[in-house]
Amino acid sequence: MVSSLDNESQNHTAIVAMKEIANFVIKASEIIDTKEVDNFVSLLIDTYNNKAKVLVMGAGRSGLVGKAFAMRLLHMGFSSYVLGETIVPSISKGDLAIAISGSGRTQLIVDAADAAKKVGSKVVALTTFPDSPLGSIADVIVKIPGRSKISKMDDYFARQILGLHEPFAPLGTLFEDTTMIFLDGVVYHLMSRLNISEDQMRNRHANVEF
């Protein structure tokens, strides 16, 4: 006799995977270090108050997550940019670079973060591995639980402590999904701290779209 769970797994694999990933994000929210989050938010608020620039960087899907965050920063009134776009200005002392890499070893992002650090910008690393090359560069690290696309044995933290089986989330999906939700939470926190309303954000939203 096939159990209801087995039947659900066979007929609604996408929904089962969705629930597993959502459960992972919830568990991750319980162990992300709030002191690290506070340090990250403080840097963002200082950058906003000083009218400095924010440069968000990430490769592949992490880059897409970064773009979504940079867009929300723009809506809140930040001068935000995304590495790789043609309109990115130079950054300098007092600016903020936010680097997103699950492994902390993506060479393009490590090199870009290092370049930002050398010109005096503060660097924030969002990564699963604080002891990575990216982590060694960063002024502030927020450890985001997840499974990077290259990890095998070193994804023990995500698999064993958070209890998610690998087949539900290939490559870097867990890190990217968790980071996306985390940064959406940061947006809400910034709105509260900076007293920014949704109407104010809506007024900065693009009115010419395709």
Protein backbone atom coordinates (compact mmCIF):
# COMPACT_ATOMS: atom_id res chain seq x y z
CA MET A 1 0.00 0.00 0.00
CA VAL A 2 1.36 3.42 -1.01
CA SER A 3 1.31 6.01 1.78
CA SER A 4 -0.21 9.45 1.24
CA LEU A 5 3.26 10.97 1.50
CA ASP A 6 4.63 8.64 -1.18
CA ASN A 7 1.66 9.46 -3.38
CA GLU A 8 2.22 13.18 -2.86
CA SER A 9 5.90 12.79 -3.66
CA GLN A 10 5.13 11.00 -6.90
CA ASN A 11 2.39 13.31 -8.10
CA HIS A 12 3.44 16.72 -6.74
CA THR A 13 7.21 16.70 -6.68
CA ALA A 14 7.41 20.43 -7.32
CA ILE A 15 5.21 21.21 -4.32
CA VAL A 16 7.15 18.82 -2.08
CA ALA A 17 10.42 20.48 -3.10
CA MET A 18 8.89 23.91 -2.56
CA LYS A 19 7.89 22.94 0.99
CA GLU A 20 11.34 21.51 1.72
CA ILE A 21 13.07 24.67 0.49
CA ALA A 22 10.67 26.91 2.44
CA ASN A 23 11.34 24.82 5.54
CA PHE A 24 15.07 25.26 5.00
CA VAL A 25 14.66 29.05 4.81
CA ILE A 26 12.63 29.09 8.02
CA LYS A 27 15.29 27.06 9.85
CA ALA A 28 18.00 29.30 8.44
CA SER A 29 16.21 32.36 9.82
CA GLU A 30 16.53 30.86 13.29
CA ILE A 31 20.31 30.52 13.17
CA ILE A 32 21.51 33.54 11.19
CA ASP A 33 23.51 35.66 13.64
CA THR A 34 21.51 38.79 14.49
CA LYS A 35 24.71 40.64 15.42
CA GLU A 36 25.97 40.10 11.89
CA VAL A 37 22.66 41.37 10.55
CA ASP A 38 22.85 44.46 12.79
CA ASN A 39 26.36 45.21 11.53
CA PHE A 40 25.17 44.89 7.93
CA VAL A 41 22.16 47.14 8.49
CA SER A 42 24.28 49.73 10.32
CA LEU A 43 26.62 49.96 7.34
CA LEU A 44 23.65 50.40 5.01
CA ILE A 45 22.16 53.15 7.18
CA ASP A 46 25.51 54.97 7.37
CA THR A 47 25.80 54.71 3.59
CA TYR A 48 22.29 56.13 3.17
CA ASN A 49 22.84 59.01 5.60
CA ASN A 50 26.19 59.89 4.02
CA LYS A 51 24.67 59.75 0.51
CA ALA A 52 27.37 57.29 -0.48
CA LYS A 53 27.07 54.61 -3.14
CA VAL A 54 26.21 50.92 -2.83
CA LEU A 55 27.66 48.45 -5.32
CA VAL A 56 26.06 44.99 -5.28
CA MET A 57 27.96 42.12 -6.85
CA GLY A 58 27.22 38.47 -7.51
CA ALA A 59 27.69 35.96 -10.33
CA GLY A 60 24.98 33.87 -11.98
CA ARG A 61 21.84 33.40 -9.87
CA SER A 62 23.50 35.16 -6.94
CA GLY A 63 23.84 38.12 -9.27
CA LEU A 64 20.11 38.04 -9.99
CA VAL A 65 19.42 38.05 -6.24
CA GLY A 66 21.76 41.01 -5.94
CA LYS A 67 19.95 42.89 -8.69
CA ALA A 68 16.63 42.44 -6.90
CA PHE A 69 18.14 43.86 -3.70
CA ALA A 70 19.82 46.76 -5.50
CA MET A 71 16.47 47.65 -7.08
CA ARG A 72 14.78 47.81 -3.68
CA LEU A 73 17.64 49.94 -2.34
CA LEU A 74 17.04 52.32 -5.24
CA HIS A 75 13.34 52.46 -4.37
CA MET A 76 14.30 53.48 -0.83
CA GLY A 77 16.49 56.31 -2.07
CA PHE A 78 19.93 54.69 -2.01
CA SER A 79 22.41 55.32 -4.81
CA SER A 80 22.67 51.65 -5.70
CA TYR A 81 24.40 49.94 -8.59
CA VAL A 82 25.06 46.41 -9.82
CA LEU A 83 28.49 45.22 -10.90
CA GLY A 84 28.57 44.49 -14.63
CA GLU A 85 26.02 47.10 -15.68
CA THR A 86 27.25 49.78 -18.07
CA ILE A 87 26.24 52.73 -15.84
CA VAL A 88 28.24 51.72 -12.76
CA PRO A 89 30.32 54.69 -11.51
CA SER A 90 33.64 54.42 -9.72
CA ILE A 91 33.42 53.71 -6.02
CA SER A 92 35.73 55.03 -3.34
CA LYS A 93 36.23 55.53 0.39
CA GLY A 94 32.93 55.69 2.21
CA ASP A 95 31.04 53.62 -0.35
CA LEU A 96 29.73 50.11 0.32
CA ALA A 97 30.27 46.95 -1.71
CA ILE A 98 27.97 43.98 -1.05
CA ALA A 99 29.38 40.70 -2.37
CA ILE A 100 27.16 37.62 -2.68
CA SER A 101 28.78 34.22 -3.07
CA GLY A 102 27.70 30.97 -1.45
CA SER A 103 31.14 29.39 -1.69
CA GLY A 104 32.99 32.63 -1.12
CA ARG A 105 35.37 31.47 -3.83
CA THR A 106 33.88 32.81 -7.06
CA GLN A 107 36.99 34.46 -8.45
CA LEU A 108 35.23 37.31 -10.24
CA ILE A 109 33.48 38.34 -7.02
CA VAL A 110 36.54 37.87 -4.82
CA ASP A 111 38.59 40.04 -7.20
CA ALA A 112 35.88 42.72 -7.36
CA ALA A 113 35.50 42.80 -3.57
CA ASP A 114 39.26 43.06 -3.19
CA ALA A 115 39.37 45.97 -5.64
CA ALA A 116 36.60 47.74 -3.71
CA LYS A 117 38.45 47.21 -0.43
CA LYS A 118 41.67 48.62 -1.87
CA VAL A 119 40.01 51.94 -2.79
CA GLY A 120 38.61 52.32 0.71
CA SER A 121 35.08 50.98 0.37
CA LYS A 122 33.56 48.85 3.09
CA VAL A 123 32.86 45.29 1.99
CA VAL A 124 30.02 43.05 3.16
CA ALA A 125 30.13 39.35 2.30
CA LEU A 126 26.99 37.24 2.17
CA THR A 127 28.32 33.69 2.10
CA THR A 128 27.93 30.24 3.58
CA PHE A 129 31.66 30.02 4.27
CA PRO A 130 33.11 32.88 6.37
CA ASP A 131 36.60 31.34 6.19
CA SER A 132 36.64 31.64 2.40
CA PRO A 133 38.75 34.09 0.35
CA LEU A 134 35.77 36.45 0.17
CA GLY A 135 35.31 36.27 3.93
CA SER A 136 38.95 37.20 4.49
CA ILE A 137 38.41 40.43 2.54
CA ALA A 138 35.11 41.51 4.09
CA ASP A 139 34.64 44.06 6.87
CA VAL A 140 31.30 42.47 7.74
CA ILE A 141 30.18 38.91 7.08
CA VAL A 142 26.65 37.56 7.22
CA LYS A 143 26.74 33.78 7.20
CA ILE A 144 23.82 32.54 5.11
CA PRO A 145 23.15 28.80 5.45
CA GLY A 146 22.95 27.02 2.14
CA ARG A 147 24.54 24.58 -0.22
CA SER A 148 26.89 26.07 -2.78
CA LYS A 149 27.01 24.67 -6.30
CA ILE A 150 30.52 23.28 -5.75
CA SER A 151 30.11 21.86 -2.24
CA LYS A 152 30.09 18.14 -1.56
CA MET A 153 31.38 17.06 1.84
CA ASP A 154 31.59 20.65 3.07
CA ASP A 155 27.82 21.13 2.81
CA TYR A 156 27.48 19.08 6.02
CA PHE A 157 26.23 22.15 7.89
CA ALA A 158 23.27 22.62 5.59
CA ARG A 159 22.37 18.96 5.17
CA GLN A 160 22.86 17.61 8.65
CA ILE A 161 21.94 20.50 10.94
CA LEU A 162 19.14 21.92 8.82
CA GLY A 163 17.97 18.54 7.61
CA LEU A 164 17.41 19.11 3.89
CA HIS A 165 18.22 16.40 1.38
CA GLU A 166 20.33 17.49 -1.59
CA PRO A 167 18.08 16.28 -4.46
CA PHE A 168 15.45 18.90 -3.61
CA ALA A 169 17.79 21.78 -4.39
CA PRO A 170 20.53 21.38 -7.00
CA LEU A 171 23.63 23.53 -7.28
CA GLY A 172 23.35 26.76 -5.27
CA THR A 173 19.58 26.95 -4.94
CA LEU A 174 19.44 26.82 -1.12
CA PHE A 175 21.90 29.66 -0.69
CA GLU A 176 20.31 31.81 -3.37
CA ASP A 177 16.74 31.32 -2.15
CA THR A 178 17.72 31.94 1.47
CA THR A 179 19.70 35.04 0.55
CA MET A 180 16.79 36.41 -1.47
CA ILE A 181 14.38 36.08 1.45
CA PHE A 182 16.97 37.40 3.89
CA LEU A 183 17.57 40.53 1.81
CA ASP A 184 13.82 41.11 1.49
CA GLY A 185 13.76 41.04 5.29
CA VAL A 186 16.60 43.57 5.38
CA VAL A 187 14.56 45.84 3.08
CA TYR A 188 11.65 45.82 5.52
CA HIS A 189 14.02 46.48 8.43
CA LEU A 190 15.56 49.45 6.59
CA MET A 191 12.11 50.84 5.81
CA SER A 192 11.35 50.79 9.53
CA ARG A 193 14.70 52.27 10.63
CA LEU A 194 14.76 54.98 7.98
CA ASN A 195 11.02 55.72 8.20
CA ILE A 196 10.49 55.06 4.50
CA SER A 197 6.94 54.33 3.41
CA GLU A 198 5.76 52.05 0.63
CA ASP A 199 4.28 55.12 -1.08
CA GLN A 200 7.71 56.75 -1.13
CA MET A 201 9.17 53.62 -2.67
CA ARG A 202 6.38 53.45 -5.21
CA ASN A 203 7.17 57.02 -6.32
CA ARG A 204 10.73 55.92 -7.11
CA HIS A 205 9.61 52.82 -8.97
CA ALA A 206 10.24 52.82 -12.72
CA ASN A 207 7.34 54.34 -14.67
CA VAL A 208 8.76 53.40 -18.06
CA GLU A 209 8.92 49.62 -18.34
CA PHE A 210 8.85 46.89 -20.96
